[in-house]
């Protein structure tokens, strides 16, 4: 895997925000509807959401557990993009 370039993160809208917005602690088996709405809204206003999504897709190629919101996409949405 090539080294990840993260210089764009300094321009991320989420920088300095509470990570629980993007990575909520949700017990398994509970309905996740609406859990990621606030994070997706923040990402929708971010100028580097494409870079963030690309980072997540690159990192998730190793079949690690997909969790949280990256680039405005939920784990399920990223699975669809990745063809999983």
N, C-alpha and C. Protein backbone atom coordinates (compact mmCIF):
# COMPACT_ATOMS: atom_id res chain seq x y z
N UNK A 1 0.84 -1.17 0.00
CA UNK A 1 0.00 0.00 0.00
C UNK A 1 0.89 1.24 0.00
N UNK A 2 0.58 2.18 -0.87
CA UNK A 2 1.39 3.39 -0.91
C UNK A 2 1.09 4.26 0.31
N UNK A 3 2.03 5.12 0.65
CA UNK A 3 1.88 6.00 1.80
C UNK A 3 0.71 6.95 1.57
N UNK A 4 -0.08 7.16 2.60
CA UNK A 4 -1.25 8.03 2.49
C UNK A 4 -0.84 9.48 2.64
N UNK A 5 -1.36 10.32 1.77
CA UNK A 5 -1.13 11.77 1.83
C UNK A 5 -2.30 12.39 2.58
N UNK A 6 -2.02 13.04 3.70
CA UNK A 6 -3.09 13.58 4.53
C UNK A 6 -3.05 15.09 4.69
N UNK A 7 -2.29 15.79 3.87
CA UNK A 7 -2.20 17.24 3.98
C UNK A 7 -3.54 17.93 3.84
N UNK A 8 -4.45 17.34 3.09
CA UNK A 8 -5.78 17.91 2.89
C UNK A 8 -6.58 18.00 4.19
N UNK A 9 -6.23 17.17 5.18
CA UNK A 9 -7.02 17.13 6.41
C UNK A 9 -7.03 18.46 7.15
N UNK A 10 -6.01 19.27 6.96
CA UNK A 10 -5.98 20.59 7.60
C UNK A 10 -7.15 21.46 7.14
N UNK A 11 -7.72 21.14 5.98
CA UNK A 11 -8.85 21.91 5.44
C UNK A 11 -10.20 21.22 5.70
N UNK A 12 -10.17 20.11 6.39
CA UNK A 12 -11.40 19.34 6.63
C UNK A 12 -12.33 20.08 7.58
N UNK A 13 -13.58 20.09 7.25
CA UNK A 13 -14.59 20.74 8.08
C UNK A 13 -14.71 20.08 9.45
N UNK A 14 -14.42 18.79 9.52
CA UNK A 14 -14.57 18.04 10.77
C UNK A 14 -13.38 18.21 11.71
N UNK A 15 -12.31 18.78 11.25
CA UNK A 15 -11.10 18.90 12.07
C UNK A 15 -11.43 19.63 13.38
N UNK A 16 -11.13 18.97 14.48
CA UNK A 16 -11.39 19.54 15.79
C UNK A 16 -12.77 19.25 16.35
N UNK A 17 -13.64 18.64 15.54
CA UNK A 17 -14.99 18.32 16.02
C UNK A 17 -14.96 17.04 16.85
N UNK A 18 -15.99 16.83 17.63
CA UNK A 18 -16.13 15.61 18.43
C UNK A 18 -16.25 14.41 17.50
N UNK A 19 -15.34 13.47 17.62
CA UNK A 19 -15.33 12.30 16.75
C UNK A 19 -16.55 11.41 16.89
N UNK A 20 -17.29 11.53 17.99
CA UNK A 20 -18.49 10.71 18.18
C UNK A 20 -19.57 11.01 17.15
N UNK A 21 -19.50 12.18 16.55
CA UNK A 21 -20.46 12.52 15.49
C UNK A 21 -20.23 11.57 14.31
N UNK A 22 -18.99 11.30 14.00
CA UNK A 22 -18.62 10.49 12.83
C UNK A 22 -18.45 9.02 13.16
N UNK A 23 -18.15 8.73 14.42
CA UNK A 23 -17.92 7.36 14.88
C UNK A 23 -18.72 7.09 16.15
N UNK A 24 -20.06 7.04 16.02
CA UNK A 24 -20.89 6.85 17.22
C UNK A 24 -20.74 5.44 17.78
N UNK A 25 -20.92 5.33 19.07
CA UNK A 25 -20.87 4.04 19.75
C UNK A 25 -22.27 3.43 19.69
N UNK A 26 -22.49 2.54 18.73
CA UNK A 26 -23.81 1.95 18.51
C UNK A 26 -23.75 0.47 18.83
N UNK A 27 -24.52 0.02 19.79
CA UNK A 27 -24.54 -1.41 20.08
C UNK A 27 -25.00 -2.21 18.86
N UNK A 28 -24.41 -3.36 18.65
CA UNK A 28 -24.76 -4.22 17.52
C UNK A 28 -26.24 -4.58 17.59
N UNK A 29 -26.86 -4.63 16.43
CA UNK A 29 -28.25 -5.04 16.34
C UNK A 29 -29.25 -3.92 16.44
N UNK A 30 -28.81 -2.72 16.81
CA UNK A 30 -29.75 -1.60 16.89
C UNK A 30 -29.93 -0.96 15.52
N UNK A 31 -31.09 -0.36 15.33
CA UNK A 31 -31.38 0.35 14.09
C UNK A 31 -30.46 1.57 13.98
N UNK A 32 -29.76 1.69 12.87
CA UNK A 32 -28.81 2.79 12.68
C UNK A 32 -29.43 3.98 11.94
N UNK A 33 -30.72 3.91 11.63
CA UNK A 33 -31.37 4.98 10.88
C UNK A 33 -31.19 6.33 11.59
N UNK A 34 -30.68 7.29 10.89
CA UNK A 34 -30.51 8.64 11.42
C UNK A 34 -29.26 8.86 12.24
N UNK A 35 -28.54 7.80 12.58
CA UNK A 35 -27.36 7.93 13.44
C UNK A 35 -26.28 8.77 12.79
N UNK A 36 -26.14 8.67 11.48
CA UNK A 36 -25.07 9.37 10.78
C UNK A 36 -25.51 10.69 10.13
N UNK A 37 -26.75 11.10 10.35
CA UNK A 37 -27.28 12.29 9.66
C UNK A 37 -26.44 13.54 9.90
N UNK A 38 -26.06 13.80 11.15
CA UNK A 38 -25.28 15.01 11.46
C UNK A 38 -23.92 14.96 10.77
N UNK A 39 -23.27 13.81 10.79
CA UNK A 39 -21.96 13.68 10.15
C UNK A 39 -22.07 13.89 8.64
N UNK A 40 -23.07 13.29 8.03
CA UNK A 40 -23.25 13.43 6.59
C UNK A 40 -23.50 14.90 6.22
N UNK A 41 -24.23 15.60 7.06
CA UNK A 41 -24.49 17.03 6.83
C UNK A 41 -23.19 17.84 6.88
N UNK A 42 -22.35 17.57 7.87
CA UNK A 42 -21.05 18.26 7.99
C UNK A 42 -20.21 17.97 6.75
N UNK A 43 -20.15 16.71 6.35
CA UNK A 43 -19.36 16.33 5.18
C UNK A 43 -19.87 17.00 3.90
N UNK A 44 -21.17 17.17 3.83
CA UNK A 44 -21.76 17.79 2.64
C UNK A 44 -21.28 19.21 2.41
N UNK A 45 -20.80 19.85 3.46
CA UNK A 45 -20.30 21.23 3.37
C UNK A 45 -18.78 21.30 3.31
N UNK A 46 -18.12 20.15 3.23
CA UNK A 46 -16.66 20.08 3.31
C UNK A 46 -16.03 20.11 1.92
N UNK A 47 -14.97 20.88 1.81
CA UNK A 47 -14.28 21.02 0.52
C UNK A 47 -13.34 19.86 0.20
N UNK A 48 -13.07 18.99 1.18
CA UNK A 48 -12.14 17.88 0.94
C UNK A 48 -12.81 16.51 1.12
N UNK A 49 -14.12 16.46 0.95
CA UNK A 49 -14.83 15.19 1.16
C UNK A 49 -14.40 14.12 0.16
N UNK A 50 -14.01 14.49 -1.04
CA UNK A 50 -13.54 13.50 -2.01
C UNK A 50 -12.24 12.84 -1.55
N UNK A 51 -11.34 13.65 -1.03
CA UNK A 51 -10.07 13.12 -0.54
C UNK A 51 -10.31 12.19 0.66
N UNK A 52 -11.23 12.58 1.51
CA UNK A 52 -11.57 11.79 2.69
C UNK A 52 -12.17 10.44 2.28
N UNK A 53 -13.09 10.47 1.33
CA UNK A 53 -13.69 9.24 0.84
C UNK A 53 -12.64 8.34 0.19
N UNK A 54 -11.75 8.93 -0.60
CA UNK A 54 -10.69 8.15 -1.24
C UNK A 54 -9.80 7.48 -0.20
N UNK A 55 -9.49 8.20 0.87
CA UNK A 55 -8.68 7.63 1.96
C UNK A 55 -9.39 6.41 2.56
N UNK A 56 -10.66 6.55 2.86
CA UNK A 56 -11.41 5.44 3.46
C UNK A 56 -11.45 4.25 2.53
N UNK A 57 -11.73 4.48 1.26
CA UNK A 57 -11.81 3.37 0.30
C UNK A 57 -10.47 2.67 0.16
N UNK A 58 -9.39 3.44 0.18
CA UNK A 58 -8.06 2.84 0.09
C UNK A 58 -7.75 2.03 1.35
N UNK A 59 -8.06 2.57 2.50
CA UNK A 59 -7.77 1.88 3.76
C UNK A 59 -8.63 0.64 3.94
N UNK A 60 -9.83 0.66 3.40
CA UNK A 60 -10.76 -0.45 3.60
C UNK A 60 -10.58 -1.58 2.60
N UNK A 61 -9.60 -1.51 1.75
CA UNK A 61 -9.38 -2.59 0.78
C UNK A 61 -8.90 -3.87 1.45
N UNK A 62 -8.46 -3.79 2.68
CA UNK A 62 -7.93 -4.95 3.39
C UNK A 62 -9.00 -5.67 4.21
N UNK A 63 -10.26 -5.51 3.85
CA UNK A 63 -11.38 -6.15 4.54
C UNK A 63 -11.43 -5.85 6.02
N UNK A 64 -10.98 -4.65 6.40
CA UNK A 64 -11.14 -4.26 7.80
C UNK A 64 -12.59 -3.89 8.02
N UNK A 65 -13.01 -3.84 9.26
CA UNK A 65 -14.39 -3.49 9.57
C UNK A 65 -14.65 -2.04 9.17
N UNK A 66 -15.64 -1.83 8.37
CA UNK A 66 -16.01 -0.49 7.95
C UNK A 66 -16.84 0.15 9.05
N UNK A 67 -16.45 1.35 9.44
CA UNK A 67 -17.10 2.01 10.56
C UNK A 67 -17.02 3.51 10.37
N UNK A 68 -18.04 4.21 10.75
CA UNK A 68 -18.03 5.66 10.73
C UNK A 68 -18.31 6.25 9.37
N UNK A 69 -18.34 7.57 9.34
CA UNK A 69 -18.62 8.32 8.13
C UNK A 69 -17.32 8.94 7.62
N UNK A 70 -17.07 8.73 6.34
CA UNK A 70 -15.92 9.34 5.65
C UNK A 70 -16.41 9.92 4.34
N UNK A 71 -16.06 11.17 4.07
CA UNK A 71 -16.45 11.77 2.80
C UNK A 71 -17.95 11.82 2.60
N UNK A 72 -18.69 11.85 3.69
CA UNK A 72 -20.14 11.91 3.60
C UNK A 72 -20.81 10.58 3.32
N UNK A 73 -20.06 9.50 3.36
CA UNK A 73 -20.61 8.17 3.06
C UNK A 73 -20.58 7.28 4.29
N UNK A 74 -21.66 6.57 4.50
CA UNK A 74 -21.76 5.62 5.61
C UNK A 74 -21.03 4.34 5.24
N UNK A 75 -20.83 3.45 6.20
CA UNK A 75 -20.16 2.17 5.88
C UNK A 75 -20.87 1.40 4.76
N UNK A 76 -22.19 1.33 4.79
CA UNK A 76 -22.92 0.62 3.74
C UNK A 76 -22.74 1.27 2.38
N UNK A 77 -22.78 2.60 2.35
CA UNK A 77 -22.58 3.30 1.08
C UNK A 77 -21.19 3.06 0.53
N UNK A 78 -20.19 2.99 1.40
CA UNK A 78 -18.83 2.71 0.94
C UNK A 78 -18.71 1.29 0.44
N UNK A 79 -19.42 0.36 1.07
CA UNK A 79 -19.43 -1.03 0.57
C UNK A 79 -19.96 -1.09 -0.85
N UNK A 80 -21.02 -0.34 -1.12
CA UNK A 80 -21.60 -0.31 -2.47
C UNK A 80 -20.59 0.26 -3.47
N UNK A 81 -19.96 1.36 -3.09
CA UNK A 81 -18.95 1.98 -3.97
C UNK A 81 -17.82 0.99 -4.26
N UNK A 82 -17.41 0.25 -3.23
CA UNK A 82 -16.29 -0.69 -3.36
C UNK A 82 -16.71 -2.00 -4.02
N UNK A 83 -18.01 -2.16 -4.27
CA UNK A 83 -18.48 -3.39 -4.91
C UNK A 83 -18.55 -4.56 -3.97
N UNK A 84 -18.77 -4.32 -2.73
CA UNK A 84 -18.83 -5.41 -1.72
C UNK A 84 -20.26 -5.83 -1.49
